[in-house]
Amino acid sequence: MEVSRIILADNQYITREGARNVLSRMGHFEFKDVLSRKELLAELSKDVFIVVVLDYSLFDFRSADELFNIGIAYPNVHWLLFSSELSDEFIRRAYFNSPDFSILYKDSSADEIRTAFLQVIRKRRYVCSVVSNVLLSNVYKQKTEAGRTHLTATELEILKEIASGKTTKEIAEIRHSSMHTIISHRKNIFRKIEVNNVYEATKYAVKAGLIDLSDYYI
């Protein structure tokens, strides 16, 4: 079933109006403003599929567990947690608790906000770049600190080139090496940093400081 109803659970009038304005350009929806947990709960069971745009930090939930339990109780709901600030622990718990929680910061760019809203109404999870970095930091912190010290100088340079998008052939030409040599280096690098593909290696390289997020967007 397509999304027809969107609940704006935010105590800031300007945020509700801004969200309503952006979402109205993406389709025809019925909007409902709620200003408390009690009002929110009264609305959740009314439709097969509902999107809730929620500023958790401004609402009267007793704990994060209460929110997560509500998410379990209402599997027909997709949540966009739209706040100015959330703790790293809350972000990790929300992300891993359920695929129905998307996360977006209010100071995200206009393009990122539009993308987030569009993905949510399409029933797809979305997390903004700041949240991605928090999750990435949690997963790769120990690997980065331990793995980087075991990479040789040559392997570090090749990892940087891989993460920058260069193909094995291009790296071989730049380094005046054979394809076989670069492939061997690549296998050793992936084994040492415990990744399986270029995407994972690139995320590792970002956290290791080998490339800058301004030069490569995950």
C-alpha atoms as a PDB file:
ATOM      1  CA  MET A   1       0.000   0.000   0.000  1.00  0.00           C
ATOM      2  CA  GLU A   2       1.247   3.482  -0.868  1.00  0.00           C
ATOM      3  CA  VAL A   3       1.811   6.090   1.802  1.00  0.00           C
ATOM      4  CA  SER A   4      -1.253   8.307   2.102  1.00  0.00           C
ATOM      5  CA  ARG A   5      -0.870   9.674   5.611  1.00  0.00           C
ATOM      6  CA  ILE A   6       2.032  11.411   7.290  1.00  0.00           C
ATOM      7  CA  ILE A   7       2.201  12.272  10.982  1.00  0.00           C
ATOM      8  CA  LEU A   8       4.314  15.295  11.883  1.00  0.00           C
ATOM      9  CA  ALA A   9       5.352  14.656  15.484  1.00  0.00           C
ATOM     10  CA  ASP A  10       7.328  17.770  16.298  1.00  0.00           C
ATOM     11  CA  ASN A  11       6.737  20.560  18.791  1.00  0.00           C
ATOM     12  CA  GLN A  12       8.365  23.162  16.548  1.00  0.00           C
ATOM     13  CA  TYR A  13       5.833  24.836  14.267  1.00  0.00           C
ATOM     14  CA  ILE A  14       8.454  25.935  11.744  1.00  0.00           C
ATOM     15  CA  THR A  15       9.745  22.372  11.385  1.00  0.00           C
ATOM     16  CA  ARG A  16       6.266  20.958  10.816  1.00  0.00           C
ATOM     17  CA  GLU A  17       5.507  23.582   8.182  1.00  0.00           C
ATOM     18  CA  GLY A  18       8.836  23.050   6.456  1.00  0.00           C
ATOM     19  CA  ALA A  19       8.359  19.284   6.355  1.00  0.00           C
ATOM     20  CA  ARG A  20       4.798  19.702   5.105  1.00  0.00           C
ATOM     21  CA  ASN A  21       5.988  22.024   2.340  1.00  0.00           C
ATOM     22  CA  VAL A  22       8.689  19.645   1.112  1.00  0.00           C
ATOM     23  CA  LEU A  23       6.510  16.537   1.295  1.00  0.00           C
ATOM     24  CA  SER A  24       3.551  18.214  -0.427  1.00  0.00           C
ATOM     25  CA  ARG A  25       5.690  18.538  -3.542  1.00  0.00           C
ATOM     26  CA  MET A  26       6.254  14.779  -3.608  1.00  0.00           C
ATOM     27  CA  GLY A  27       2.649  13.600  -3.602  1.00  0.00           C
ATOM     28  CA  HIS A  28      -0.822  14.022  -2.195  1.00  0.00           C
ATOM     29  CA  PHE A  29      -0.805  13.172   1.487  1.00  0.00           C
ATOM     30  CA  GLU A  30      -3.031  13.688   4.477  1.00  0.00           C
ATOM     31  CA  PHE A  31      -1.015  15.368   7.221  1.00  0.00           C
ATOM     32  CA  LYS A  32      -1.666  15.129  10.935  1.00  0.00           C
ATOM     33  CA  ASP A  33       0.170  17.243  13.516  1.00  0.00           C
ATOM     34  CA  VAL A  34       0.677  15.660  16.947  1.00  0.00           C
ATOM     35  CA  LEU A  35       2.337  17.399  19.879  1.00  0.00           C
ATOM     36  CA  SER A  36       2.682  14.631  22.468  1.00  0.00           C
ATOM     37  CA  ARG A  37       3.335  10.931  22.861  1.00  0.00           C
ATOM     38  CA  LYS A  38      -0.300  10.381  23.815  1.00  0.00           C
ATOM     39  CA  GLU A  39      -1.558  12.035  20.636  1.00  0.00           C
ATOM     40  CA  LEU A  40       0.936  10.052  18.576  1.00  0.00           C
ATOM     41  CA  LEU A  41      -0.158   6.717  20.005  1.00  0.00           C
ATOM     42  CA  ALA A  42      -3.784   7.566  19.261  1.00  0.00           C
ATOM     43  CA  GLU A  43      -2.942   7.972  15.570  1.00  0.00           C
ATOM     44  CA  LEU A  44      -0.664   5.004  14.926  1.00  0.00           C
ATOM     45  CA  SER A  45      -3.256   2.265  14.476  1.00  0.00           C
ATOM     46  CA  LYS A  46      -5.401   4.048  11.890  1.00  0.00           C
ATOM     47  CA  ASP A  47      -3.682   3.086   8.635  1.00  0.00           C
ATOM     48  CA  VAL A  48      -1.940   0.139   6.983  1.00  0.00           C
ATOM     49  CA  PHE A  49       1.167   2.218   6.341  1.00  0.00           C
ATOM     50  CA  ILE A  50       2.021   5.535   7.977  1.00  0.00           C
ATOM     51  CA  VAL A  51       5.117   7.698   7.941  1.00  0.00           C
ATOM     52  CA  VAL A  52       5.966   9.458  11.193  1.00  0.00           C
ATOM     53  CA  VAL A  53       8.359  12.403  11.088  1.00  0.00           C
ATOM     54  CA  LEU A  54       9.456  12.609  14.721  1.00  0.00           C
ATOM     55  CA  ASP A  55      11.769  14.846  16.718  1.00  0.00           C
ATOM     56  CA  TYR A  56      12.495  12.369  19.497  1.00  0.00           C
ATOM     57  CA  SER A  57      14.473  14.940  21.505  1.00  0.00           C
ATOM     58  CA  LEU A  58      11.410  17.212  21.829  1.00  0.00           C
ATOM     59  CA  PHE A  59       8.835  14.537  22.640  1.00  0.00           C
ATOM     60  CA  ASP A  60       7.802  13.170  26.029  1.00  0.00           C
ATOM     61  CA  PHE A  61       9.018   9.589  25.676  1.00  0.00           C
ATOM     62  CA  ARG A  62      10.189   8.143  28.968  1.00  0.00           C
ATOM     63  CA  SER A  63      13.117   6.380  27.303  1.00  0.00           C
ATOM     64  CA  ALA A  64      14.508   5.268  23.982  1.00  0.00           C
ATOM     65  CA  ASP A  65      13.293   1.759  24.793  1.00  0.00           C
ATOM     66  CA  GLU A  66       9.731   3.037  24.847  1.00  0.00           C
ATOM     67  CA  LEU A  67      10.111   4.388  21.319  1.00  0.00           C
ATOM     68  CA  PHE A  68      11.703   1.180  20.065  1.00  0.00           C
ATOM     69  CA  ASN A  69       8.947  -0.911  21.626  1.00  0.00           C
ATOM     70  CA  ILE A  70       6.334   1.235  19.903  1.00  0.00           C
ATOM     71  CA  GLY A  71       8.188   0.622  16.647  1.00  0.00           C
ATOM     72  CA  ILE A  72       7.869  -3.121  17.228  1.00  0.00           C
ATOM     73  CA  ALA A  73       4.201  -2.832  18.176  1.00  0.00           C
ATOM     74  CA  TYR A  74       3.338  -0.926  14.975  1.00  0.00           C
ATOM     75  CA  PRO A  75       5.175  -2.594  12.075  1.00  0.00           C
ATOM     76  CA  ASN A  76       2.989  -0.613   9.660  1.00  0.00           C
ATOM     77  CA  VAL A  77       4.864   2.573  10.607  1.00  0.00           C
ATOM     78  CA  HIS A  78       8.045   3.916   9.026  1.00  0.00           C
ATOM     79  CA  TRP A  79       9.851   6.458  11.194  1.00  0.00           C
ATOM     80  CA  LEU A  80      11.978   9.404  10.150  1.00  0.00           C
ATOM     81  CA  LEU A  81      13.803  10.556  13.273  1.00  0.00           C
ATOM     82  CA  PHE A  82      14.298  14.230  12.413  1.00  0.00           C
ATOM     83  CA  SER A  83      16.223  16.013  15.165  1.00  0.00           C
ATOM     84  CA  SER A  84      18.871  18.646  15.785  1.00  0.00           C
ATOM     85  CA  GLU A  85      21.014  16.379  17.919  1.00  0.00           C
ATOM     86  CA  LEU A  86      21.009  12.713  18.933  1.00  0.00           C
ATOM     87  CA  SER A  87      23.551  10.799  20.975  1.00  0.00           C
ATOM     88  CA  ASP A  88      25.834   8.324  19.215  1.00  0.00           C
ATOM     89  CA  GLU A  89      24.429   5.525  21.360  1.00  0.00           C
ATOM     90  CA  PHE A  90      20.837   6.420  20.453  1.00  0.00           C
ATOM     91  CA  ILE A  91      21.739   6.526  16.751  1.00  0.00           C
ATOM     92  CA  ARG A  92      23.327   3.090  16.866  1.00  0.00           C
ATOM     93  CA  ARG A  93      20.427   1.593  18.802  1.00  0.00           C
ATOM     94  CA  ALA A  94      17.828   3.129  16.483  1.00  0.00           C
ATOM     95  CA  TYR A  95      19.646   1.944  13.388  1.00  0.00           C
ATOM     96  CA  PHE A  96      20.183  -1.628  14.547  1.00  0.00           C
ATOM     97  CA  ASN A  97      16.850  -1.944  16.370  1.00  0.00           C
ATOM     98  CA  SER A  98      14.703  -1.900  13.245  1.00  0.00           C
ATOM     99  CA  PRO A  99      14.967  -1.259   9.488  1.00  0.00           C
ATOM    100  CA  ASP A 100      11.951   1.036   9.869  1.00  0.00           C
ATOM    101  CA  PHE A 101      13.952   3.834  11.526  1.00  0.00           C
ATOM    102  CA  SER A 102      15.481   6.431   9.215  1.00  0.00           C
ATOM    103  CA  ILE A 103      17.585   9.217  10.719  1.00  0.00           C
ATOM    104  CA  LEU A 104      18.097  12.806   9.546  1.00  0.00           C
ATOM    105  CA  TYR A 105      19.539  15.917  11.173  1.00  0.00           C
ATOM    106  CA  LYS A 106      17.663  19.199  10.851  1.00  0.00           C
ATOM    107  CA  ASP A 107      20.799  21.037   9.761  1.00  0.00           C
ATOM    108  CA  SER A 108      21.301  18.698   6.794  1.00  0.00           C
ATOM    109  CA  SER A 109      21.475  20.242   3.347  1.00  0.00           C
ATOM    110  CA  ALA A 110      18.293  20.899   1.387  1.00  0.00           C
ATOM    111  CA  ASP A 111      19.179  18.136  -1.070  1.00  0.00           C
ATOM    112  CA  GLU A 112      19.755  15.644   1.729  1.00  0.00           C
ATOM    113  CA  ILE A 113      16.458  16.542   3.395  1.00  0.00           C
ATOM    114  CA  ARG A 114      14.552  16.107   0.129  1.00  0.00           C
ATOM    115  CA  THR A 115      16.294  12.793  -0.523  1.00  0.00           C
ATOM    116  CA  ALA A 116      15.487  11.552   2.971  1.00  0.00           C
ATOM    117  CA  PHE A 117      11.796  12.424   2.684  1.00  0.00           C
ATOM    118  CA  LEU A 118      11.563  10.847  -0.758  1.00  0.00           C
ATOM    119  CA  GLN A 119      13.178   7.603   0.398  1.00  0.00           C
ATOM    120  CA  VAL A 120      10.958   7.366   3.454  1.00  0.00           C
ATOM    121  CA  ILE A 121       7.713   7.736   1.515  1.00  0.00           C
ATOM    122  CA  ARG A 122       9.028   5.023  -0.798  1.00  0.00           C
ATOM    123  CA  LYS A 123       9.380   2.770   2.269  1.00  0.00           C
ATOM    124  CA  ARG A 124      13.173   2.783   2.113  1.00  0.00           C
ATOM    125  CA  ARG A 125      15.553   3.424   4.977  1.00  0.00           C
ATOM    126  CA  TYR A 126      17.694   6.553   4.863  1.00  0.00           C
ATOM    127  CA  VAL A 127      20.419   7.903   7.122  1.00  0.00           C
ATOM    128  CA  CYS A 128      22.109  11.255   6.589  1.00  0.00           C
ATOM    129  CA  SER A 129      25.869  11.593   6.092  1.00  0.00           C
ATOM    130  CA  VAL A 130      26.528  12.630   9.699  1.00  0.00           C
ATOM    131  CA  VAL A 131      24.730   9.551  10.981  1.00  0.00           C
ATOM    132  CA  SER A 132      26.560   7.360   8.459  1.00  0.00           C
ATOM    133  CA  ASN A 133      29.851   8.593   9.902  1.00  0.00           C
ATOM    134  CA  VAL A 134      28.713   7.781  13.441  1.00  0.00           C
ATOM    135  CA  LEU A 135      27.770   4.247  12.418  1.00  0.00           C
ATOM    136  CA  LEU A 136      30.948   3.850  10.411  1.00  0.00           C
ATOM    137  CA  SER A 137      33.066   5.014  13.330  1.00  0.00           C
ATOM    138  CA  ASN A 138      31.497   2.436  15.595  1.00  0.00           C
ATOM    139  CA  VAL A 139      32.098  -0.435  13.192  1.00  0.00           C
ATOM    140  CA  TYR A 140      35.587   0.415  12.035  1.00  0.00           C
ATOM    141  CA  LYS A 141      37.258   2.076  15.027  1.00  0.00           C
ATOM    142  CA  GLN A 142      39.099  -0.994  16.260  1.00  0.00           C
ATOM    143  CA  LYS A 143      39.861  -2.273  12.773  1.00  0.00           C
ATOM    144  CA  THR A 144      41.316   1.076  11.753  1.00  0.00           C
ATOM    145  CA  GLU A 145      43.604   1.390  14.743  1.00  0.00           C
ATOM    146  CA  ALA A 146      44.815  -2.201  14.562  1.00  0.00           C
ATOM    147  CA  GLY A 147      44.830  -2.784  10.825  1.00  0.00           C
ATOM    148  CA  ARG A 148      46.552   0.355   9.661  1.00  0.00           C
ATOM    149  CA  THR A 149      49.739  -0.403  11.592  1.00  0.00           C
ATOM    150  CA  HIS A 150      50.064  -3.700   9.706  1.00  0.00           C
ATOM    151  CA  LEU A 151      49.830  -2.208   6.216  1.00  0.00           C
ATOM    152  CA  THR A 152      53.099  -1.425   4.478  1.00  0.00           C
ATOM    153  CA  ALA A 153      53.709   2.009   2.981  1.00  0.00           C
ATOM    154  CA  THR A 154      53.054   0.585  -0.481  1.00  0.00           C
ATOM    155  CA  GLU A 155      49.818  -1.048   0.647  1.00  0.00           C
ATOM    156  CA  LEU A 156      48.621   2.212   2.205  1.00  0.00           C
ATOM    157  CA  GLU A 157      49.220   4.042  -1.069  1.00  0.00           C
ATOM    158  CA  ILE A 158      47.435   1.373  -3.084  1.00  0.00           C
ATOM    159  CA  LEU A 159      44.515   1.375  -0.650  1.00  0.00           C
ATOM    160  CA  LYS A 160      44.247   5.137  -1.097  1.00  0.00           C
ATOM    161  CA  GLU A 161      44.205   4.716  -4.879  1.00  0.00           C
ATOM    162  CA  ILE A 162      41.576   1.958  -4.671  1.00  0.00           C
ATOM    163  CA  ALA A 163      39.394   4.152  -2.449  1.00  0.00           C
ATOM    164  CA  SER A 164      39.799   7.075  -4.847  1.00  0.00           C
ATOM    165  CA  GLY A 165      38.122   4.998  -7.539  1.00  0.00           C
ATOM    166  CA  LYS A 166      41.077   3.874  -9.629  1.00  0.00           C
ATOM    167  CA  THR A 167      40.905   0.486 -11.317  1.00  0.00           C
ATOM    168  CA  THR A 168      43.544  -2.211 -10.919  1.00  0.00           C
ATOM    169  CA  LYS A 169      44.822  -1.434 -14.424  1.00  0.00           C
ATOM    170  CA  GLU A 170      45.089   2.286 -13.675  1.00  0.00           C
ATOM    171  CA  ILE A 171      46.960   1.643 -10.423  1.00  0.00           C
ATOM    172  CA  ALA A 172      49.359  -0.701 -12.226  1.00  0.00           C
ATOM    173  CA  GLU A 173      50.080   1.971 -14.843  1.00  0.00           C
ATOM    174  CA  ILE A 174      50.608   4.693 -12.222  1.00  0.00           C
ATOM    175  CA  ARG A 175      52.987   2.509 -10.206  1.00  0.00           C
ATOM    176  CA  HIS A 176      54.697   0.969 -13.241  1.00  0.00           C
ATOM    177  CA  SER A 177      53.809  -2.475 -11.929  1.00  0.00           C
ATOM    178  CA  SER A 178      52.149  -5.528 -13.411  1.00  0.00           C
ATOM    179  CA  MET A 179      48.450  -6.235 -12.974  1.00  0.00           C
ATOM    180  CA  HIS A 180      49.406  -9.410 -11.114  1.00  0.00           C
ATOM    181  CA  THR A 181      51.448  -7.429  -8.568  1.00  0.00           C
ATOM    182  CA  ILE A 182      48.598  -4.989  -7.870  1.00  0.00           C
ATOM    183  CA  ILE A 183      46.084  -7.832  -7.558  1.00  0.00           C
ATOM    184  CA  SER A 184      48.368  -9.523  -5.008  1.00  0.00           C
ATOM    185  CA  HIS A 185      48.687  -6.272  -3.041  1.00  0.00           C
ATOM    186  CA  ARG A 186      44.931  -5.836  -3.157  1.00  0.00           C
ATOM    187  CA  LYS A 187      44.300  -9.327  -1.786  1.00  0.00           C
ATOM    188  CA  ASN A 188      46.777  -8.720   1.046  1.00  0.00           C
ATOM    189  CA  ILE A 189      45.214  -5.345   1.879  1.00  0.00           C
ATOM    190  CA  PHE A 190      41.685  -6.747   1.990  1.00  0.00           C
ATOM    191  CA  ARG A 191      42.837  -9.645   4.164  1.00  0.00           C
ATOM    192  CA  LYS A 192      44.664  -7.377   6.635  1.00  0.00           C
ATOM    193  CA  ILE A 193      41.855  -4.871   7.101  1.00  0.00           C
ATOM    194  CA  GLU A 194      39.182  -7.586   7.004  1.00  0.00           C
ATOM    195  CA  VAL A 195      37.041  -6.280   4.159  1.00  0.00           C
ATOM    196  CA  ASN A 196      35.507  -8.070   1.201  1.00  0.00           C
ATOM    197  CA  ASN A 197      35.136  -5.480  -1.538  1.00  0.00           C
ATOM    198  CA  VAL A 198      36.065  -2.003  -2.761  1.00  0.00           C
ATOM    199  CA  TYR A 199      33.079  -0.392  -1.042  1.00  0.00           C
ATOM    200  CA  GLU A 200      34.125  -1.712   2.373  1.00  0.00           C
ATOM    201  CA  ALA A 201      37.772  -0.837   1.693  1.00  0.00           C
ATOM    202  CA  THR A 202      36.746   2.711   0.829  1.00  0.00           C
ATOM    203  CA  LYS A 203      34.839   3.122   4.087  1.00  0.00           C
ATOM    204  CA  TYR A 204      37.908   1.860   5.929  1.00  0.00           C
ATOM    205  CA  ALA A 205      40.126   4.344   4.078  1.00  0.00           C
ATOM    206  CA  VAL A 206      37.824   7.224   5.055  1.00  0.00           C
ATOM    207  CA  LYS A 207      38.036   6.317   8.718  1.00  0.00           C
ATOM    208  CA  ALA A 208      41.800   5.825   8.484  1.00  0.00           C
ATOM    209  CA  GLY A 209      42.127   9.347   7.113  1.00  0.00           C
ATOM    210  CA  LEU A 210      43.581   8.207   3.786  1.00  0.00           C
ATOM    211  CA  ILE A 211      40.946  10.055   1.786  1.00  0.00           C
ATOM    212  CA  ASP A 212      38.673  12.954   2.631  1.00  0.00           C
ATOM    213  CA  LEU A 213      34.884  12.742   2.568  1.00  0.00           C
ATOM    214  CA  SER A 214      34.851  15.934   0.499  1.00  0.00           C
ATOM    215  CA  ASP A 215      36.666  14.011  -2.242  1.00  0.00           C
ATOM    216  CA  TYR A 216      34.597  10.849  -2.018  1.00  0.00           C
ATOM    217  CA  TYR A 217      30.983  10.473  -0.970  1.00  0.00           C
ATOM    218  CA  ILE A 218      29.774   7.106   0.353  1.00  0.00           C
END
